[in-house]
């Protein structure tokens, strides 16, 4: 499962896997191709800005890859 949200404190769209098993090579490549960067300190990918369309697009892509997504 993935959490996809906008975080005003970080000033970013955040994509966070529930556990390491959710982050396979195909999923990592899709997230990074959408201009997200892994942030090891929060164990999530971020993309600067509060673009809800970017959040919706990556949430849809994760669903297409077979993941459950909680988007808030």
Protein backbone atom coordinates (compact mmCIF):
# COMPACT_ATOMS: atom_id res chain seq x y z
CA UNK A 1 0.00 0.00 0.00
CA UNK A 2 1.09 3.56 -0.69
CA UNK A 3 0.15 6.86 0.88
CA UNK A 4 -0.04 9.73 -1.63
CA UNK A 5 -0.59 13.21 -0.23
CA UNK A 6 0.48 16.81 -0.33
CA UNK A 7 2.39 17.96 2.73
CA UNK A 8 2.42 21.69 3.42
CA UNK A 9 5.18 21.35 6.01
CA UNK A 10 7.48 19.73 3.45
CA UNK A 11 6.07 21.81 0.59
CA UNK A 12 5.85 18.67 -1.50
CA UNK A 13 3.75 15.86 -2.89
CA UNK A 14 4.67 12.74 -0.89
CA UNK A 15 4.53 9.10 -2.01
CA UNK A 16 5.23 6.72 0.87
CA UNK A 17 5.28 2.92 0.72
CA UNK A 18 3.76 1.13 3.70
CA UNK A 19 6.72 -1.25 3.81
CA UNK A 20 9.90 -2.01 1.89
CA UNK A 21 8.23 -4.97 0.13
CA UNK A 22 5.94 -2.52 -1.70
CA UNK A 23 8.91 -0.85 -3.36
CA UNK A 24 9.98 -3.13 -6.21
CA UNK A 25 12.17 -2.06 -9.14
CA UNK A 26 9.25 -1.42 -11.50
CA UNK A 27 7.44 0.75 -8.97
CA UNK A 28 10.59 2.68 -8.05
CA UNK A 29 11.26 3.36 -11.75
CA UNK A 30 7.70 4.62 -12.32
CA UNK A 31 7.83 6.95 -9.31
CA UNK A 32 11.25 8.31 -10.25
CA UNK A 33 10.13 8.76 -13.88
CA UNK A 34 7.38 11.03 -12.54
CA UNK A 35 10.10 13.32 -11.06
CA UNK A 36 9.91 12.12 -7.46
CA UNK A 37 13.07 11.79 -5.36
CA UNK A 38 13.64 9.30 -2.55
CA UNK A 39 14.09 10.94 0.87
CA UNK A 40 15.68 8.38 3.22
CA UNK A 41 15.05 10.47 6.34
CA UNK A 42 11.26 10.15 5.89
CA UNK A 43 11.31 6.88 3.88
CA UNK A 44 9.21 8.40 1.10
CA UNK A 45 9.46 9.99 -2.31
CA UNK A 46 8.81 13.71 -2.67
CA UNK A 47 8.21 16.16 -5.47
CA UNK A 48 8.44 19.88 -4.66
CA UNK A 49 5.16 21.80 -4.75
CA UNK A 50 1.55 21.16 -3.83
CA UNK A 51 0.36 19.94 -7.24
CA UNK A 52 -2.75 17.82 -6.58
CA UNK A 53 -2.80 16.76 -10.24
CA UNK A 54 0.69 15.30 -9.85
CA UNK A 55 -0.54 13.47 -6.75
CA UNK A 56 -3.54 12.11 -8.65
CA UNK A 57 -1.38 11.01 -11.60
CA UNK A 58 1.10 9.09 -9.45
CA UNK A 59 -1.71 7.53 -7.41
CA UNK A 60 -3.33 6.28 -10.62
CA UNK A 61 0.02 4.92 -11.86
CA UNK A 62 0.54 3.04 -8.60
CA UNK A 63 -2.93 1.49 -8.91
CA UNK A 64 -2.11 0.49 -12.50
CA UNK A 65 0.99 -1.26 -11.14
CA UNK A 66 -1.23 -3.28 -8.79
CA UNK A 67 -0.76 -1.36 -5.54
CA UNK A 68 -3.42 -0.23 -3.10
CA UNK A 69 -3.30 3.53 -2.61
CA UNK A 70 -4.56 5.80 0.15
CA UNK A 71 -4.74 9.31 -1.31
CA UNK A 72 -5.44 12.21 1.02
